[in-house]
Amino acid sequence: MSVPPTLYTSTARRVIEHVAARTGVPATVMLAPTRRHDAVRARWRAMRLLRRMHYSLPDIGYALNRDHTTVLHGLRRS
């Protein structure tokens, strides 16, 4: 059973902000529905970091406003 996403929200937010600072892509753009190449790459990097922290696919999707299958695709592409 997965831990509710609300317990992870602050940690996931810090990871997203860290990736945003490192890539130069604002966190608001990473969370937006845009498909710009730089935003997608930054999202993939955040997905990879969150997965290494043992987040589940639905939890990562929740943190990034995406579906778990989108997260799975991003992890496979990155």
PDB file of N, CA and C in Angstrom:
ATOM      1  N   MET A   1       0.841  -1.184   0.000  1.00  0.00           N
ATOM      2  CA  MET A   1       0.000   0.000   0.000  1.00  0.00           C
ATOM      3  C   MET A   1       0.882   1.242   0.000  1.00  0.00           C
ATOM      4  N   SER A   2       0.514   2.192  -0.790  1.00  0.00           N
ATOM      5  CA  SER A   2       1.286   3.418  -0.944  1.00  0.00           C
ATOM      6  C   SER A   2       0.932   4.412   0.159  1.00  0.00           C
ATOM      7  N   VAL A   3       1.905   5.193   0.557  1.00  0.00           N
ATOM      8  CA  VAL A   3       1.694   6.249   1.539  1.00  0.00           C
ATOM      9  C   VAL A   3       0.944   7.386   0.859  1.00  0.00           C
ATOM     10  N   PRO A   4      -0.010   8.004   1.542  1.00  0.00           N
ATOM     11  CA  PRO A   4      -0.759   9.103   0.919  1.00  0.00           C
ATOM     12  C   PRO A   4       0.167  10.209   0.415  1.00  0.00           C
ATOM     13  N   PRO A   5      -0.131  10.770  -0.752  1.00  0.00           N
ATOM     14  CA  PRO A   5       0.740  11.776  -1.350  1.00  0.00           C
ATOM     15  C   PRO A   5       0.964  13.011  -0.487  1.00  0.00           C
ATOM     16  N   THR A   6       0.026  13.324   0.404  1.00  0.00           N
ATOM     17  CA  THR A   6       0.177  14.535   1.209  1.00  0.00           C
ATOM     18  C   THR A   6       1.368  14.453   2.145  1.00  0.00           C
ATOM     19  N   LEU A   7       1.778  13.247   2.549  1.00  0.00           N
ATOM     20  CA  LEU A   7       2.932  13.111   3.419  1.00  0.00           C
ATOM     21  C   LEU A   7       4.225  13.425   2.682  1.00  0.00           C
ATOM     22  N   TYR A   8       4.216  13.251   1.370  1.00  0.00           N
ATOM     23  CA  TYR A   8       5.401  13.462   0.569  1.00  0.00           C
ATOM     24  C   TYR A   8       5.459  14.830  -0.089  1.00  0.00           C
ATOM     25  N   THR A   9       4.417  15.593   0.001  1.00  0.00           N
ATOM     26  CA  THR A   9       4.306  16.816  -0.771  1.00  0.00           C
ATOM     27  C   THR A   9       5.466  17.777  -0.526  1.00  0.00           C
ATOM     28  N   SER A  10       5.848  17.987   0.718  1.00  0.00           N
ATOM     29  CA  SER A  10       6.915  18.955   0.986  1.00  0.00           C
ATOM     30  C   SER A  10       8.258  18.467   0.452  1.00  0.00           C
ATOM     31  N   THR A  11       8.549  17.187   0.577  1.00  0.00           N
ATOM     32  CA  THR A  11       9.808  16.649   0.056  1.00  0.00           C
ATOM     33  C   THR A  11       9.817  16.707  -1.461  1.00  0.00           C
ATOM     34  N   ALA A  12       8.729  16.321  -2.083  1.00  0.00           N
ATOM     35  CA  ALA A  12       8.638  16.363  -3.546  1.00  0.00           C
ATOM     36  C   ALA A  12       8.759  17.797  -4.039  1.00  0.00           C
ATOM     37  N   ARG A  13       8.162  18.719  -3.324  1.00  0.00           N
ATOM     38  CA  ARG A  13       8.248  20.133  -3.712  1.00  0.00           C
ATOM     39  C   ARG A  13       9.692  20.619  -3.659  1.00  0.00           C
ATOM     40  N   ARG A  14      10.441  20.182  -2.635  1.00  0.00           N
ATOM     41  CA  ARG A  14      11.842  20.565  -2.545  1.00  0.00           C
ATOM     42  C   ARG A  14      12.653  19.981  -3.689  1.00  0.00           C
ATOM     43  N   VAL A  15      12.355  18.748  -4.072  1.00  0.00           N
ATOM     44  CA  VAL A  15      13.058  18.126  -5.204  1.00  0.00           C
ATOM     45  C   VAL A  15      12.744  18.887  -6.484  1.00  0.00           C
ATOM     46  N   ILE A  16      11.488  19.239  -6.698  1.00  0.00           N
ATOM     47  CA  ILE A  16      11.084  19.979  -7.896  1.00  0.00           C
ATOM     48  C   ILE A  16      11.777  21.346  -7.926  1.00  0.00           C
ATOM     49  N   GLU A  17      11.823  22.023  -6.795  1.00  0.00           N
ATOM     50  CA  GLU A  17      12.487  23.333  -6.742  1.00  0.00           C
ATOM     51  C   GLU A  17      13.991  23.199  -6.974  1.00  0.00           C
ATOM     52  N   HIS A  18      14.585  22.125  -6.476  1.00  0.00           N
ATOM     53  CA  HIS A  18      16.015  21.876  -6.700  1.00  0.00           C
ATOM     54  C   HIS A  18      16.297  21.678  -8.188  1.00  0.00           C
ATOM     55  N   VAL A  19      15.484  20.849  -8.833  1.00  0.00           N
ATOM     56  CA  VAL A  19      15.660  20.605 -10.266  1.00  0.00           C
ATOM     57  C   VAL A  19      15.428  21.891 -11.051  1.00  0.00           C
ATOM     58  N   ALA A  20      14.439  22.667 -10.645  1.00  0.00           N
ATOM     59  CA  ALA A  20      14.161  23.935 -11.318  1.00  0.00           C
ATOM     60  C   ALA A  20      15.364  24.867 -11.226  1.00  0.00           C
ATOM     61  N   ALA A  21      15.989  24.924 -10.069  1.00  0.00           N
ATOM     62  CA  ALA A  21      17.158  25.787  -9.897  1.00  0.00           C
ATOM     63  C   ALA A  21      18.342  25.288 -10.726  1.00  0.00           C
ATOM     64  N   ARG A  22      18.518  23.984 -10.796  1.00  0.00           N
ATOM     65  CA  ARG A  22      19.646  23.416 -11.534  1.00  0.00           C
ATOM     66  C   ARG A  22      19.484  23.534 -13.047  1.00  0.00           C
ATOM     67  N   THR A  23      18.237  23.431 -13.530  1.00  0.00           N
ATOM     68  CA  THR A  23      18.002  23.440 -14.974  1.00  0.00           C
ATOM     69  C   THR A  23      17.636  24.812 -15.516  1.00  0.00           C
ATOM     70  N   GLY A  24      17.237  25.728 -14.643  1.00  0.00           N
ATOM     71  CA  GLY A  24      16.827  27.049 -15.100  1.00  0.00           C
ATOM     72  C   GLY A  24      15.389  27.096 -15.585  1.00  0.00           C
ATOM     73  N   VAL A  25      14.655  26.021 -15.400  1.00  0.00           N
ATOM     74  CA  VAL A  25      13.241  25.967 -15.780  1.00  0.00           C
ATOM     75  C   VAL A  25      12.431  26.220 -14.513  1.00  0.00           C
ATOM     76  N   PRO A  26      11.593  27.255 -14.480  1.00  0.00           N
ATOM     77  CA  PRO A  26      10.818  27.534 -13.272  1.00  0.00           C
ATOM     78  C   PRO A  26       9.927  26.350 -12.884  1.00  0.00           C
ATOM     79  N   ALA A  27       9.731  26.180 -11.598  1.00  0.00           N
ATOM     80  CA  ALA A  27       8.894  25.085 -11.102  1.00  0.00           C
ATOM     81  C   ALA A  27       7.466  25.199 -11.637  1.00  0.00           C
ATOM     82  N   THR A  28       6.976  26.419 -11.815  1.00  0.00           N
ATOM     83  CA  THR A  28       5.618  26.588 -12.338  1.00  0.00           C
ATOM     84  C   THR A  28       5.510  26.050 -13.763  1.00  0.00           C
ATOM     85  N   VAL A  29       6.588  26.184 -14.543  1.00  0.00           N
ATOM     86  CA  VAL A  29       6.594  25.654 -15.910  1.00  0.00           C
ATOM     87  C   VAL A  29       6.671  24.133 -15.873  1.00  0.00           C
ATOM     88  N   MET A  30       7.445  23.589 -14.931  1.00  0.00           N
ATOM     89  CA  MET A  30       7.542  22.134 -14.809  1.00  0.00           C
ATOM     90  C   MET A  30       6.200  21.505 -14.467  1.00  0.00           C
ATOM     91  N   LEU A  31       5.399  22.209 -13.687  1.00  0.00           N
ATOM     92  CA  LEU A  31       4.104  21.682 -13.263  1.00  0.00           C
ATOM     93  C   LEU A  31       2.984  22.003 -14.244  1.00  0.00           C
ATOM     94  N   ALA A  32       3.258  22.867 -15.204  1.00  0.00           N
ATOM     95  CA  ALA A  32       2.257  23.265 -16.191  1.00  0.00           C
ATOM     96  C   ALA A  32       2.108  22.177 -17.263  1.00  0.00           C
ATOM     97  N   PRO A  33       1.036  22.218 -18.036  1.00  0.00           N
ATOM     98  CA  PRO A  33       0.831  21.197 -19.062  1.00  0.00           C
ATOM     99  C   PRO A  33       1.660  21.401 -20.332  1.00  0.00           C
ATOM    100  N   THR A  34       2.642  22.266 -20.300  1.00  0.00           N
ATOM    101  CA  THR A  34       3.455  22.546 -21.477  1.00  0.00           C
ATOM    102  C   THR A  34       4.287  21.330 -21.879  1.00  0.00           C
ATOM    103  N   ARG A  35       4.599  21.246 -23.164  1.00  0.00           N
ATOM    104  CA  ARG A  35       5.416  20.155 -23.681  1.00  0.00           C
ATOM    105  C   ARG A  35       6.720  20.676 -24.272  1.00  0.00           C
ATOM    106  N   ARG A  36       7.149  21.854 -23.799  1.00  0.00           N
ATOM    107  CA  ARG A  36       8.437  22.403 -24.236  1.00  0.00           C
ATOM    108  C   ARG A  36       9.552  21.433 -23.868  1.00  0.00           C
ATOM    109  N   HIS A  37      10.538  21.343 -24.745  1.00  0.00           N
ATOM    110  CA  HIS A  37      11.614  20.373 -24.566  1.00  0.00           C
ATOM    111  C   HIS A  37      12.348  20.563 -23.239  1.00  0.00           C
ATOM    112  N   ASP A  38      12.671  21.811 -22.893  1.00  0.00           N
ATOM    113  CA  ASP A  38      13.397  22.036 -21.650  1.00  0.00           C
ATOM    114  C   ASP A  38      12.560  21.684 -20.425  1.00  0.00           C
ATOM    115  N   ALA A  39      11.257  21.940 -20.473  1.00  0.00           N
ATOM    116  CA  ALA A  39      10.373  21.614 -19.352  1.00  0.00           C
ATOM    117  C   ALA A  39      10.223  20.101 -19.208  1.00  0.00           C
ATOM    118  N   VAL A  40      10.123  19.411 -20.332  1.00  0.00           N
ATOM    119  CA  VAL A  40       9.989  17.950 -20.303  1.00  0.00           C
ATOM    120  C   VAL A  40      11.242  17.311 -19.718  1.00  0.00           C
ATOM    121  N   ARG A  41      12.408  17.775 -20.147  1.00  0.00           N
ATOM    122  CA  ARG A  41      13.670  17.229 -19.624  1.00  0.00           C
ATOM    123  C   ARG A  41      13.789  17.479 -18.120  1.00  0.00           C
ATOM    124  N   ALA A  42      13.400  18.648 -17.666  1.00  0.00           N
ATOM    125  CA  ALA A  42      13.453  18.960 -16.238  1.00  0.00           C
ATOM    126  C   ALA A  42      12.488  18.062 -15.460  1.00  0.00           C
ATOM    127  N   ARG A  43      11.292  17.848 -16.011  1.00  0.00           N
ATOM    128  CA  ARG A  43      10.328  16.953 -15.378  1.00  0.00           C
ATOM    129  C   ARG A  43      10.887  15.539 -15.259  1.00  0.00           C
ATOM    130  N   TRP A  44      11.515  15.058 -16.342  1.00  0.00           N
ATOM    131  CA  TRP A  44      12.097  13.718 -16.332  1.00  0.00           C
ATOM    132  C   TRP A  44      13.162  13.606 -15.252  1.00  0.00           C
ATOM    133  N   ARG A  45      13.968  14.658 -15.106  1.00  0.00           N
ATOM    134  CA  ARG A  45      15.011  14.636 -14.075  1.00  0.00           C
ATOM    135  C   ARG A  45      14.386  14.561 -12.691  1.00  0.00           C
ATOM    136  N   ALA A  46      13.324  15.327 -12.452  1.00  0.00           N
ATOM    137  CA  ALA A  46      12.633  15.284 -11.162  1.00  0.00           C
ATOM    138  C   ALA A  46      12.010  13.907 -10.934  1.00  0.00           C
ATOM    139  N   MET A  47      11.436  13.321 -11.983  1.00  0.00           N
ATOM    140  CA  MET A  47      10.857  11.980 -11.858  1.00  0.00           C
ATOM    141  C   MET A  47      11.916  10.971 -11.443  1.00  0.00           C
ATOM    142  N   ARG A  48      13.079  11.061 -12.075  1.00  0.00           N
ATOM    143  CA  ARG A  48      14.158  10.128 -11.777  1.00  0.00           C
ATOM    144  C   ARG A  48      14.619  10.271 -10.325  1.00  0.00           C
ATOM    145  N   LEU A  49      14.770  11.508  -9.863  1.00  0.00           N
ATOM    146  CA  LEU A  49      15.190  11.729  -8.479  1.00  0.00           C
ATOM    147  C   LEU A  49      14.149  11.228  -7.483  1.00  0.00           C
ATOM    148  N   LEU A  50      12.887  11.506  -7.767  1.00  0.00           N
ATOM    149  CA  LEU A  50      11.832  11.048  -6.861  1.00  0.00           C
ATOM    150  C   LEU A  50      11.735   9.528  -6.845  1.00  0.00           C
ATOM    151  N   ARG A  51      11.951   8.906  -7.988  1.00  0.00           N
ATOM    152  CA  ARG A  51      11.906   7.440  -8.031  1.00  0.00           C
ATOM    153  C   ARG A  51      13.060   6.836  -7.238  1.00  0.00           C
ATOM    154  N   ARG A  52      14.230   7.470  -7.289  1.00  0.00           N
ATOM    155  CA  ARG A  52      15.370   7.008  -6.496  1.00  0.00           C
ATOM    156  C   ARG A  52      15.100   7.144  -5.003  1.00  0.00           C
ATOM    157  N   MET A  53      14.191   8.043  -4.647  1.00  0.00           N
ATOM    158  CA  MET A  53      13.806   8.224  -3.248  1.00  0.00           C
ATOM    159  C   MET A  53      12.665   7.277  -2.880  1.00  0.00           C
ATOM    160  N   HIS A  54      12.379   6.314  -3.743  1.00  0.00           N
ATOM    161  CA  HIS A  54      11.381   5.260  -3.529  1.00  0.00           C
ATOM    162  C   HIS A  54       9.942   5.764  -3.521  1.00  0.00           C
ATOM    163  N   TYR A  55       9.679   6.804  -4.283  1.00  0.00           N
ATOM    164  CA  TYR A  55       8.297   7.236  -4.484  1.00  0.00           C
ATOM    165  C   TYR A  55       7.625   6.262  -5.447  1.00  0.00           C
ATOM    166  N   SER A  56       6.345   6.056  -5.280  1.00  0.00           N
ATOM    167  CA  SER A  56       5.604   5.221  -6.223  1.00  0.00           C
ATOM    168  C   SER A  56       5.268   6.058  -7.457  1.00  0.00           C
ATOM    169  N   LEU A  57       4.926   5.389  -8.540  1.00  0.00           N
ATOM    170  CA  LEU A  57       4.574   6.103  -9.771  1.00  0.00           C
ATOM    171  C   LEU A  57       3.376   7.038  -9.572  1.00  0.00           C
ATOM    172  N   PRO A  58       2.300   6.587  -8.895  1.00  0.00           N
ATOM    173  CA  PRO A  58       1.191   7.520  -8.660  1.00  0.00           C
ATOM    174  C   PRO A  58       1.582   8.717  -7.793  1.00  0.00           C
ATOM    175  N   ASP A  59       2.461   8.510  -6.815  1.00  0.00           N
ATOM    176  CA  ASP A  59       2.891   9.628  -5.965  1.00  0.00           C
ATOM    177  C   ASP A  59       3.711  10.648  -6.750  1.00  0.00           C
ATOM    178  N   ILE A  60       4.574  10.162  -7.638  1.00  0.00           N
ATOM    179  CA  ILE A  60       5.354  11.064  -8.483  1.00  0.00           C
ATOM    180  C   ILE A  60       4.421  11.823  -9.414  1.00  0.00           C
ATOM    181  N   GLY A  61       3.460  11.121  -9.985  1.00  0.00           N
ATOM    182  CA  GLY A  61       2.488  11.766 -10.855  1.00  0.00           C
ATOM    183  C   GLY A  61       1.695  12.838 -10.130  1.00  0.00           C
ATOM    184  N   TYR A  62       1.321  12.543  -8.909  1.00  0.00           N
ATOM    185  CA  TYR A  62       0.577  13.512  -8.101  1.00  0.00           C
ATOM    186  C   TYR A  62       1.413  14.772  -7.870  1.00  0.00           C
ATOM    187  N   ALA A  63       2.697  14.573  -7.553  1.00  0.00           N
ATOM    188  CA  ALA A  63       3.579  15.714  -7.269  1.00  0.00           C
ATOM    189  C   ALA A  63       3.806  16.580  -8.505  1.00  0.00           C
ATOM    190  N   LEU A  64       3.782  15.967  -9.699  1.00  0.00           N
ATOM    191  CA  LEU A  64       4.080  16.699 -10.933  1.00  0.00           C
ATOM    192  C   LEU A  64       2.836  16.978 -11.787  1.00  0.00           C
ATOM    193  N   ASN A  65       1.664  16.736 -11.236  1.00  0.00           N
ATOM    194  CA  ASN A  65       0.399  16.951 -11.953  1.00  0.00           C
ATOM    195  C   ASN A  65       0.318  16.117 -13.222  1.00  0.00           C
ATOM    196  N   ARG A  66       0.753  14.872 -13.120  1.00  0.00           N
ATOM    197  CA  ARG A  66       0.744  13.965 -14.261  1.00  0.00           C
ATOM    198  C   ARG A  66       0.122  12.640 -13.857  1.00  0.00           C
ATOM    199  N   ASP A  67      -0.162  11.808 -14.847  1.00  0.00           N
ATOM    200  CA  ASP A  67      -0.681  10.469 -14.636  1.00  0.00           C
ATOM    201  C   ASP A  67       0.485   9.518 -14.389  1.00  0.00           C
ATOM    202  N   HIS A  68       0.244   8.409 -13.715  1.00  0.00           N
ATOM    203  CA  HIS A  68       1.332   7.479 -13.423  1.00  0.00           C
ATOM    204  C   HIS A  68       1.923   6.867 -14.691  1.00  0.00           C
ATOM    205  N   THR A  69       1.119   6.741 -15.743  1.00  0.00           N
ATOM    206  CA  THR A  69       1.664   6.193 -16.993  1.00  0.00           C
ATOM    207  C   THR A  69       2.590   7.199 -17.671  1.00  0.00           C
ATOM    208  N   THR A  70       2.326   8.477 -17.496  1.00  0.00           N
ATOM    209  CA  THR A  70       3.226   9.507 -18.008  1.00  0.00           C
ATOM    210  C   THR A  70       4.555   9.443 -17.268  1.00  0.00           C
ATOM    211  N   VAL A  71       4.495   9.190 -15.976  1.00  0.00           N
ATOM    212  CA  VAL A  71       5.712   9.055 -15.181  1.00  0.00           C
ATOM    213  C   VAL A  71       6.499   7.834 -15.651  1.00  0.00           C
ATOM    214  N   LEU A  72       5.827   6.734 -15.878  1.00  0.00           N
ATOM    215  CA  LEU A  72       6.487   5.523 -16.358  1.00  0.00           C
ATOM    216  C   LEU A  72       7.180   5.781 -17.694  1.00  0.00           C
ATOM    217  N   HIS A  73       6.511   6.469 -18.582  1.00  0.00           N
ATOM    218  CA  HIS A  73       7.103   6.817 -19.869  1.00  0.00           C
ATOM    219  C   HIS A  73       8.329   7.712 -19.683  1.00  0.00           C
ATOM    220  N   GLY A  74       8.209   8.707 -18.801  1.00  0.00           N
ATOM    221  CA  GLY A  74       9.327   9.604 -18.557  1.00  0.00           C
ATOM    222  C   GLY A  74      10.536   8.887 -17.971  1.00  0.00           C
ATOM    223  N   LEU A  75      10.295   7.944 -17.079  1.00  0.00           N
ATOM    224  CA  LEU A  75      11.392   7.191 -16.491  1.00  0.00           C
ATOM    225  C   LEU A  75      12.071   6.309 -17.541  1.00  0.00           C
ATOM    226  N   ARG A  76      11.303   5.783 -18.447  1.00  0.00           N
ATOM    227  CA  ARG A  76      11.883   4.950 -19.496  1.00  0.00           C
ATOM    228  C   ARG A  76      12.668   5.789 -20.515  1.00  0.00           C
ATOM    229  N   ARG A  77      12.238   7.013 -20.736  1.00  0.00           N
ATOM    230  CA  ARG A  77      12.896   7.879 -21.716  1.00  0.00           C
ATOM    231  C   ARG A  77      14.143   8.552 -21.170  1.00  0.00           C
ATOM    232  N   SER A  78      14.177   8.813 -19.888  1.00  0.00           N
ATOM    233  CA  SER A  78      15.305   9.567 -19.324  1.00  0.00           C
ATOM    234  C   SER A  78      16.509   8.692 -19.071  1.00  0.00           C
TER     235      SER A  78
END
